Amino acid sequence: MLKTDEIIKSHGSKKSALIPIIQDIQSEYRYLPPELLTYVAKALDIKEAKAYSVATFYENFSFEAKGKYIIKVCDGTACHVRKSIPILDFLYKELDLSKEKQTTDDMLFTLETVSCLGACGLAPVLTMNDKVYPAMTPEAAGELIAKLRGEK
């Protein structure tokens, strides 16, 4: 909990620091470990239920461990029309994932779909750890995966 203590210290123990603290915890661990949310609630002197209600209200927080590389495929209108679904289907197959199983067994990749990435003019778009990859194709997605697998 040393890292969590550092995060809390950097934001202070004010109740208003809850969101920045849990954002930093999620950045550190790539998800929000429930035991750390409980720990933060105690440290900030707030009810555990309050901390959980905040963490579950915002879609950005995840209680499930995510891979080293988080891929988000946009399926908003512009991306969908410009064929984002074949990219998503390719990645599901290539990574042996599905809507139900979003993270690879080796914890290298997590695949998610999002409604909009705000880059409609670059459609179809995916992001890898928040870096935007415009005008994506299944082939380009495959090249990106192969490159990242080589880096491990």
N, C-alpha and C. Protein backbone atom coordinates (compact mmCIF):
# COMPACT_ATOMS: atom_id res chain seq x y z
N MET A 1 0.82 -1.19 0.00
CA MET A 1 0.00 0.00 0.00
C MET A 1 0.86 1.26 0.00
N LEU A 2 2.15 1.06 -0.08
CA LEU A 2 3.08 2.18 -0.08
C LEU A 2 2.79 3.14 -1.22
N LYS A 3 2.58 2.60 -2.42
CA LYS A 3 2.29 3.46 -3.57
C LYS A 3 0.97 4.20 -3.37
N THR A 4 -0.01 3.52 -2.83
CA THR A 4 -1.31 4.16 -2.56
C THR A 4 -1.15 5.29 -1.54
N ASP A 5 -0.33 5.05 -0.53
CA ASP A 5 -0.08 6.10 0.46
C ASP A 5 0.58 7.32 -0.19
N GLU A 6 1.50 7.07 -1.12
CA GLU A 6 2.15 8.17 -1.84
C GLU A 6 1.12 8.96 -2.65
N ILE A 7 0.22 8.24 -3.30
CA ILE A 7 -0.82 8.89 -4.11
C ILE A 7 -1.73 9.73 -3.22
N ILE A 8 -2.15 9.18 -2.11
CA ILE A 8 -3.02 9.92 -1.19
C ILE A 8 -2.29 11.16 -0.68
N LYS A 9 -1.05 10.99 -0.30
CA LYS A 9 -0.25 12.12 0.21
C LYS A 9 -0.13 13.22 -0.84
N SER A 10 0.05 12.84 -2.10
CA SER A 10 0.22 13.84 -3.16
C SER A 10 -1.05 14.67 -3.39
N HIS A 11 -2.20 14.12 -3.07
CA HIS A 11 -3.47 14.83 -3.26
C HIS A 11 -4.04 15.39 -1.96
N GLY A 12 -3.56 14.90 -0.84
CA GLY A 12 -4.10 15.31 0.45
C GLY A 12 -5.27 14.43 0.84
N SER A 13 -5.66 14.50 2.08
CA SER A 13 -6.70 13.62 2.62
C SER A 13 -8.08 14.25 2.62
N LYS A 14 -8.29 15.22 1.75
CA LYS A 14 -9.61 15.86 1.65
C LYS A 14 -10.57 14.92 0.92
N LYS A 15 -11.81 14.97 1.31
CA LYS A 15 -12.83 14.15 0.64
C LYS A 15 -12.91 14.48 -0.86
N SER A 16 -12.66 15.73 -1.19
CA SER A 16 -12.73 16.17 -2.60
C SER A 16 -11.61 15.57 -3.45
N ALA A 17 -10.63 14.94 -2.82
CA ALA A 17 -9.51 14.34 -3.57
C ALA A 17 -9.81 12.91 -4.02
N LEU A 18 -11.00 12.41 -3.70
CA LEU A 18 -11.32 11.01 -4.02
C LEU A 18 -11.10 10.69 -5.50
N ILE A 19 -11.69 11.46 -6.38
CA ILE A 19 -11.59 11.13 -7.82
C ILE A 19 -10.15 11.19 -8.31
N PRO A 20 -9.39 12.26 -8.05
CA PRO A 20 -7.99 12.24 -8.52
C PRO A 20 -7.17 11.10 -7.93
N ILE A 21 -7.46 10.74 -6.68
CA ILE A 21 -6.72 9.64 -6.06
C ILE A 21 -7.03 8.32 -6.76
N ILE A 22 -8.31 8.04 -6.99
CA ILE A 22 -8.62 6.75 -7.63
C ILE A 22 -8.22 6.76 -9.11
N GLN A 23 -8.18 7.93 -9.74
CA GLN A 23 -7.65 8.00 -11.11
C GLN A 23 -6.17 7.59 -11.12
N ASP A 24 -5.42 8.13 -10.17
CA ASP A 24 -3.99 7.80 -10.10
C ASP A 24 -3.76 6.33 -9.75
N ILE A 25 -4.59 5.79 -8.87
CA ILE A 25 -4.47 4.37 -8.53
C ILE A 25 -4.74 3.53 -9.78
N GLN A 26 -5.79 3.88 -10.52
CA GLN A 26 -6.09 3.12 -11.74
C GLN A 26 -4.96 3.26 -12.75
N SER A 27 -4.36 4.43 -12.86
CA SER A 27 -3.23 4.60 -13.78
C SER A 27 -2.06 3.71 -13.37
N GLU A 28 -1.84 3.61 -12.08
CA GLU A 28 -0.72 2.81 -11.56
C GLU A 28 -0.94 1.31 -11.78
N TYR A 29 -2.14 0.83 -11.51
CA TYR A 29 -2.41 -0.61 -11.54
C TYR A 29 -3.17 -1.08 -12.79
N ARG A 30 -3.60 -0.15 -13.64
CA ARG A 30 -4.38 -0.41 -14.85
C ARG A 30 -5.80 -0.89 -14.55
N TYR A 31 -6.18 -0.80 -13.28
CA TYR A 31 -7.54 -1.04 -12.85
C TYR A 31 -7.65 -0.55 -11.41
N LEU A 32 -8.83 -0.61 -10.85
CA LEU A 32 -9.05 -0.13 -9.49
C LEU A 32 -9.27 -1.32 -8.56
N PRO A 33 -8.20 -1.78 -7.89
CA PRO A 33 -8.37 -2.92 -6.97
C PRO A 33 -9.36 -2.56 -5.85
N PRO A 34 -10.39 -3.36 -5.66
CA PRO A 34 -11.40 -3.05 -4.65
C PRO A 34 -10.83 -2.82 -3.25
N GLU A 35 -9.80 -3.60 -2.88
CA GLU A 35 -9.23 -3.42 -1.54
C GLU A 35 -8.57 -2.04 -1.39
N LEU A 36 -8.06 -1.50 -2.50
CA LEU A 36 -7.46 -0.17 -2.42
C LEU A 36 -8.53 0.91 -2.34
N LEU A 37 -9.67 0.68 -2.96
CA LEU A 37 -10.77 1.64 -2.85
C LEU A 37 -11.25 1.70 -1.40
N THR A 38 -11.33 0.55 -0.76
CA THR A 38 -11.70 0.48 0.66
C THR A 38 -10.66 1.23 1.51
N TYR A 39 -9.40 1.01 1.20
CA TYR A 39 -8.30 1.67 1.92
C TYR A 39 -8.37 3.19 1.76
N VAL A 40 -8.64 3.65 0.55
CA VAL A 40 -8.75 5.09 0.28
C VAL A 40 -9.94 5.68 1.05
N ALA A 41 -11.05 4.98 1.05
CA ALA A 41 -12.23 5.47 1.77
C ALA A 41 -11.89 5.70 3.24
N LYS A 42 -11.20 4.75 3.85
CA LYS A 42 -10.81 4.90 5.26
C LYS A 42 -9.85 6.08 5.43
N ALA A 43 -8.89 6.19 4.51
CA ALA A 43 -7.89 7.26 4.61
C ALA A 43 -8.53 8.65 4.47
N LEU A 44 -9.60 8.74 3.68
CA LEU A 44 -10.26 10.03 3.47
C LEU A 44 -11.43 10.23 4.44
N ASP A 45 -11.66 9.25 5.28
CA ASP A 45 -12.75 9.30 6.25
C ASP A 45 -14.11 9.49 5.57
N ILE A 46 -14.32 8.66 4.54
CA ILE A 46 -15.63 8.65 3.88
C ILE A 46 -16.16 7.22 3.93
N LYS A 47 -17.44 7.08 3.78
CA LYS A 47 -18.05 5.74 3.79
C LYS A 47 -17.59 4.97 2.55
N GLU A 48 -17.35 3.69 2.75
CA GLU A 48 -16.94 2.83 1.64
C GLU A 48 -17.98 2.86 0.53
N ALA A 49 -19.25 2.90 0.90
CA ALA A 49 -20.33 2.94 -0.10
C ALA A 49 -20.23 4.19 -0.97
N LYS A 50 -19.83 5.30 -0.39
CA LYS A 50 -19.67 6.55 -1.15
C LYS A 50 -18.54 6.40 -2.17
N ALA A 51 -17.43 5.83 -1.74
CA ALA A 51 -16.30 5.63 -2.65
C ALA A 51 -16.70 4.71 -3.80
N TYR A 52 -17.43 3.65 -3.48
CA TYR A 52 -17.88 2.72 -4.52
C TYR A 52 -18.90 3.37 -5.45
N SER A 53 -19.77 4.21 -4.90
CA SER A 53 -20.76 4.86 -5.77
C SER A 53 -20.09 5.79 -6.77
N VAL A 54 -19.03 6.47 -6.33
CA VAL A 54 -18.28 7.34 -7.25
C VAL A 54 -17.56 6.49 -8.30
N ALA A 55 -16.89 5.44 -7.86
CA ALA A 55 -16.11 4.60 -8.78
C ALA A 55 -16.99 3.87 -9.79
N THR A 56 -18.21 3.52 -9.40
CA THR A 56 -19.08 2.81 -10.34
C THR A 56 -19.89 3.77 -11.21
N PHE A 57 -20.01 5.02 -10.79
CA PHE A 57 -20.75 6.00 -11.58
C PHE A 57 -20.00 6.35 -12.86
N TYR A 58 -18.69 6.52 -12.75
CA TYR A 58 -17.89 6.91 -13.91
C TYR A 58 -17.42 5.70 -14.69
N GLU A 59 -17.75 5.68 -15.96
CA GLU A 59 -17.43 4.55 -16.83
C GLU A 59 -15.92 4.32 -16.98
N ASN A 60 -15.14 5.35 -16.73
CA ASN A 60 -13.69 5.26 -16.89
C ASN A 60 -13.04 4.31 -15.88
N PHE A 61 -13.67 4.11 -14.74
CA PHE A 61 -13.08 3.25 -13.72
C PHE A 61 -13.44 1.80 -13.96
N SER A 62 -12.47 0.92 -13.73
CA SER A 62 -12.68 -0.50 -13.95
C SER A 62 -12.19 -1.29 -12.74
N PHE A 63 -13.00 -2.25 -12.30
CA PHE A 63 -12.62 -3.13 -11.21
C PHE A 63 -11.98 -4.42 -11.72
N GLU A 64 -11.84 -4.52 -13.03
CA GLU A 64 -11.21 -5.70 -13.62
C GLU A 64 -9.84 -5.33 -14.14
N ALA A 65 -8.87 -6.21 -13.90
CA ALA A 65 -7.50 -5.98 -14.36
C ALA A 65 -7.49 -5.86 -15.88
N LYS A 66 -6.67 -4.95 -16.36
CA LYS A 66 -6.56 -4.73 -17.80
C LYS A 66 -5.14 -5.03 -18.25
N GLY A 67 -5.02 -5.27 -19.53
CA GLY A 67 -3.73 -5.59 -20.10
C GLY A 67 -2.79 -4.40 -20.17
N LYS A 68 -1.56 -4.69 -20.52
CA LYS A 68 -0.54 -3.65 -20.68
C LYS A 68 -0.95 -2.66 -21.77
N TYR A 69 -1.55 -3.18 -22.83
CA TYR A 69 -2.01 -2.35 -23.94
C TYR A 69 -3.53 -2.36 -23.97
N ILE A 70 -4.13 -1.19 -23.80
CA ILE A 70 -5.58 -1.08 -23.83
C ILE A 70 -5.98 -0.51 -25.18
N ILE A 71 -6.65 -1.35 -25.96
CA ILE A 71 -7.09 -0.96 -27.31
C ILE A 71 -8.56 -0.60 -27.23
N LYS A 72 -8.88 0.59 -27.72
CA LYS A 72 -10.28 1.01 -27.79
C LYS A 72 -10.61 1.23 -29.25
N VAL A 73 -11.60 0.48 -29.72
CA VAL A 73 -12.05 0.62 -31.10
C VAL A 73 -13.33 1.44 -31.08
N CYS A 74 -13.33 2.51 -31.85
CA CYS A 74 -14.50 3.37 -31.92
C CYS A 74 -15.56 2.73 -32.81
N ASP A 75 -16.80 2.77 -32.32
CA ASP A 75 -17.92 2.32 -33.13
C ASP A 75 -19.00 3.39 -33.19
N GLY A 76 -18.56 4.65 -33.13
CA GLY A 76 -19.49 5.76 -33.33
C GLY A 76 -19.93 5.78 -34.78
N THR A 77 -20.83 6.66 -35.12
CA THR A 77 -21.41 6.69 -36.47
C THR A 77 -20.36 6.79 -37.56
N ALA A 78 -19.45 7.76 -37.47
CA ALA A 78 -18.45 7.95 -38.53
C ALA A 78 -17.56 6.71 -38.67
N CYS A 79 -17.11 6.18 -37.55
CA CYS A 79 -16.24 5.00 -37.60
C CYS A 79 -17.00 3.77 -38.10
N HIS A 80 -18.24 3.62 -37.63
CA HIS A 80 -19.05 2.47 -38.06
C HIS A 80 -19.27 2.49 -39.57
N VAL A 81 -19.64 3.64 -40.09
CA VAL A 81 -19.88 3.79 -41.54
C VAL A 81 -18.60 3.51 -42.32
N ARG A 82 -17.47 3.87 -41.74
CA ARG A 82 -16.18 3.66 -42.42
C ARG A 82 -15.54 2.33 -42.03
N LYS A 83 -16.36 1.41 -41.57
CA LYS A 83 -15.98 0.00 -41.38
C LYS A 83 -15.10 -0.29 -40.16
N SER A 84 -15.54 0.15 -38.99
CA SER A 84 -14.81 -0.20 -37.76
C SER A 84 -15.09 -1.64 -37.31
N ILE A 85 -16.25 -2.18 -37.68
CA ILE A 85 -16.60 -3.52 -37.23
C ILE A 85 -15.65 -4.59 -37.77
N PRO A 86 -15.22 -4.55 -39.04
CA PRO A 86 -14.22 -5.53 -39.48
C PRO A 86 -12.91 -5.44 -38.69
N ILE A 87 -12.55 -4.25 -38.24
CA ILE A 87 -11.34 -4.08 -37.42
C ILE A 87 -11.56 -4.77 -36.07
N LEU A 88 -12.70 -4.51 -35.47
CA LEU A 88 -13.04 -5.12 -34.19
C LEU A 88 -13.09 -6.65 -34.31
N ASP A 89 -13.76 -7.15 -35.35
CA ASP A 89 -13.84 -8.60 -35.56
C ASP A 89 -12.46 -9.22 -35.74
N PHE A 90 -11.60 -8.53 -36.49
CA PHE A 90 -10.23 -9.02 -36.69
C PHE A 90 -9.49 -9.10 -35.35
N LEU A 91 -9.60 -8.06 -34.55
CA LEU A 91 -8.90 -8.03 -33.26
C LEU A 91 -9.43 -9.09 -32.31
N TYR A 92 -10.75 -9.30 -32.29
CA TYR A 92 -11.31 -10.37 -31.46
C TYR A 92 -10.68 -11.71 -31.84
N LYS A 93 -10.61 -11.97 -33.14
CA LYS A 93 -10.07 -13.24 -33.61
C LYS A 93 -8.56 -13.33 -33.34
N GLU A 94 -7.83 -12.29 -33.69
CA GLU A 94 -6.37 -12.27 -33.55
C GLU A 94 -5.94 -12.43 -32.09
N LEU A 95 -6.69 -11.82 -31.19
CA LEU A 95 -6.33 -11.83 -29.77
C LEU A 95 -7.07 -12.91 -28.97
N ASP A 96 -7.92 -13.66 -29.66
CA ASP A 96 -8.74 -14.70 -29.02
C ASP A 96 -9.56 -14.11 -27.87
N LEU A 97 -10.26 -13.01 -28.20
CA LEU A 97 -11.10 -12.31 -27.23
C LEU A 97 -12.54 -12.26 -27.72
N SER A 98 -13.43 -11.77 -26.87
CA SER A 98 -14.84 -11.62 -27.21
C SER A 98 -15.41 -10.48 -26.38
N LYS A 99 -16.69 -10.20 -26.57
CA LYS A 99 -17.33 -9.17 -25.76
C LYS A 99 -17.29 -9.56 -24.28
N GLU A 100 -17.34 -10.83 -24.00
CA GLU A 100 -17.33 -11.31 -22.62
C GLU A 100 -15.91 -11.39 -22.04
N LYS A 101 -14.94 -11.74 -22.87
CA LYS A 101 -13.55 -11.85 -22.43
C LYS A 101 -12.74 -10.77 -23.14
N GLN A 102 -12.43 -9.71 -22.42
CA GLN A 102 -11.80 -8.54 -23.04
C GLN A 102 -10.29 -8.46 -22.86
N THR A 103 -9.71 -9.29 -22.01
CA THR A 103 -8.27 -9.22 -21.75
C THR A 103 -7.62 -10.56 -22.04
N THR A 104 -6.48 -10.51 -22.73
CA THR A 104 -5.76 -11.74 -23.06
C THR A 104 -5.22 -12.40 -21.80
N ASP A 105 -5.04 -13.71 -21.86
CA ASP A 105 -4.57 -14.47 -20.71
C ASP A 105 -3.20 -14.01 -20.22
N ASP A 106 -2.36 -13.53 -21.16
CA ASP A 106 -1.02 -13.07 -20.78
C ASP A 106 -1.02 -11.63 -20.26
N MET A 107 -2.23 -11.04 -20.14
CA MET A 107 -2.39 -9.67 -19.63
C MET A 107 -1.67 -8.64 -20.50
N LEU A 108 -1.50 -8.95 -21.78
CA LEU A 108 -0.83 -8.02 -22.68
C LEU A 108 -1.82 -7.05 -23.31
N PHE A 109 -3.01 -7.55 -23.71
CA PHE A 109 -3.98 -6.71 -24.42
C PHE A 109 -5.36 -6.75 -23.76
N THR A 110 -6.01 -5.59 -23.75
CA THR A 110 -7.42 -5.48 -23.40
C THR A 110 -8.09 -4.79 -24.59
N LEU A 111 -9.20 -5.34 -25.04
CA LEU A 111 -9.92 -4.80 -26.20
C LEU A 111 -11.30 -4.32 -25.76
N GLU A 112 -11.57 -3.05 -26.03
CA GLU A 112 -12.85 -2.46 -25.68
C GLU A 112 -13.43 -1.73 -26.88
N THR A 113 -14.75 -1.60 -26.91
CA THR A 113 -15.39 -0.75 -27.90
C THR A 113 -15.90 0.49 -27.18
N VAL A 114 -15.87 1.61 -27.87
CA VAL A 114 -16.37 2.86 -27.32
C VAL A 114 -17.29 3.51 -28.33
N SER A 115 -18.18 4.35 -27.82
CA SER A 115 -19.16 5.00 -28.69
C SER A 115 -18.56 6.14 -29.51
N CYS A 116 -17.54 6.79 -28.99
CA CYS A 116 -16.91 7.88 -29.72
C CYS A 116 -15.57 8.20 -29.09
N LEU A 117 -14.58 8.41 -29.94
CA LEU A 117 -13.26 8.83 -29.48
C LEU A 117 -13.01 10.30 -29.80
N GLY A 118 -13.99 10.94 -30.43
CA GLY A 118 -13.86 12.36 -30.74
C GLY A 118 -12.90 12.65 -31.88
N ALA A 119 -12.70 11.69 -32.75
CA ALA A 119 -11.79 11.89 -33.88
C ALA A 119 -12.50 11.45 -35.17
N CYS A 120 -13.71 11.91 -35.34
CA CYS A 120 -14.57 11.46 -36.44
C CYS A 120 -13.95 11.70 -37.82
N GLY A 121 -13.22 12.78 -37.97
CA GLY A 121 -12.60 13.09 -39.26
C GLY A 121 -11.48 12.13 -39.62
N LEU A 122 -11.03 11.34 -38.65
CA LEU A 122 -9.93 10.39 -38.87
C LEU A 122 -10.43 8.95 -38.97
N ALA A 123 -11.73 8.77 -39.01
CA ALA A 123 -12.37 7.46 -38.96
C ALA A 123 -11.91 6.54 -40.09
N PRO A 124 -11.91 5.23 -39.78
CA PRO A 124 -12.13 4.57 -38.49
C PRO A 124 -10.88 4.68 -37.61
N VAL A 125 -11.13 4.83 -36.32
CA VAL A 125 -10.07 5.11 -35.37
C VAL A 125 -10.04 4.06 -34.26
N LEU A 126 -8.82 3.78 -33.81
CA LEU A 126 -8.66 3.06 -32.56
C LEU A 126 -7.59 3.77 -31.76
N THR A 127 -7.61 3.55 -30.46
CA THR A 127 -6.53 4.07 -29.63
C THR A 127 -5.85 2.89 -28.95
N MET A 128 -4.58 3.07 -28.73
CA MET A 128 -3.79 2.10 -27.98
C MET A 128 -3.16 2.89 -26.85
N ASN A 129 -3.60 2.64 -25.63
CA ASN A 129 -3.13 3.40 -24.46
C ASN A 129 -3.22 4.91 -24.74
N ASP A 130 -4.36 5.30 -25.27
CA ASP A 130 -4.71 6.70 -25.54
C ASP A 130 -3.97 7.35 -26.70
N LYS A 131 -3.14 6.62 -27.43
CA LYS A 131 -2.53 7.14 -28.66
C LYS A 131 -3.49 6.82 -29.80
N VAL A 132 -3.82 7.83 -30.60
CA VAL A 132 -4.79 7.68 -31.68
C VAL A 132 -4.13 7.10 -32.92
N TYR A 133 -4.78 6.09 -33.50
CA TYR A 133 -4.36 5.49 -34.76
C TYR A 133 -5.48 5.72 -35.76
N PRO A 134 -5.29 6.68 -36.70
CA PRO A 134 -6.36 7.05 -37.64
C PRO A 134 -6.41 6.13 -38.86
N ALA A 135 -7.53 6.24 -39.59
CA ALA A 135 -7.72 5.52 -40.86
C ALA A 135 -7.29 4.05 -40.72
N MET A 136 -7.73 3.42 -39.68
CA MET A 136 -7.33 2.05 -39.35
C MET A 136 -8.00 1.05 -40.29
N THR A 137 -7.30 -0.04 -40.52
CA THR A 137 -7.81 -1.17 -41.29
C THR A 137 -7.49 -2.44 -40.49
N PRO A 138 -8.13 -3.56 -40.80
CA PRO A 138 -7.76 -4.79 -40.11
C PRO A 138 -6.28 -5.13 -40.30
N GLU A 139 -5.75 -4.89 -41.49
CA GLU A 139 -4.35 -5.19 -41.77
C GLU A 139 -3.43 -4.33 -40.91
N ALA A 140 -3.73 -3.04 -40.83
CA ALA A 140 -2.91 -2.13 -40.01
C ALA A 140 -3.00 -2.50 -38.53
N ALA A 141 -4.18 -2.93 -38.10
CA ALA A 141 -4.35 -3.36 -36.70
C ALA A 141 -3.48 -4.60 -36.45
N GLY A 142 -3.45 -5.50 -37.41
CA GLY A 142 -2.61 -6.70 -37.28
C GLY A 142 -1.14 -6.36 -37.19
N GLU A 143 -0.70 -5.39 -37.97
CA GLU A 143 0.70 -4.95 -37.93
C GLU A 143 1.03 -4.34 -36.56
N LEU A 144 0.10 -3.57 -36.04
CA LEU A 144 0.30 -2.94 -34.73
C LEU A 144 0.41 -4.01 -33.64
N ILE A 145 -0.47 -5.01 -33.67
CA ILE A 145 -0.43 -6.09 -32.68
C ILE A 145 0.90 -6.85 -32.79
N ALA A 146 1.31 -7.16 -34.01
CA ALA A 146 2.56 -7.91 -34.20
C ALA A 146 3.75 -7.12 -33.65
N LYS A 147 3.75 -5.83 -33.89
CA LYS A 147 4.84 -4.97 -33.39
C LYS A 147 4.86 -4.98 -31.86
N LEU A 148 3.71 -4.86 -31.24
CA LEU A 148 3.64 -4.82 -29.78
C LEU A 148 3.99 -6.18 -29.17
N ARG A 149 3.61 -7.24 -29.81
CA ARG A 149 3.96 -8.57 -29.31
C ARG A 149 5.48 -8.75 -29.35
N GLY A 150 6.10 -8.17 -30.35
CA GLY A 150 7.56 -8.26 -30.46
C GLY A 150 8.29 -7.47 -29.39
N GLU A 151 7.67 -6.40 -28.90
CA GLU A 151 8.28 -5.54 -27.87
C GLU A 151 8.23 -6.17 -26.49
N LYS A 152 7.10 -6.81 -26.17
CA LYS A 152 6.84 -7.35 -24.83
C LYS A 152 7.78 -6.77 -23.84
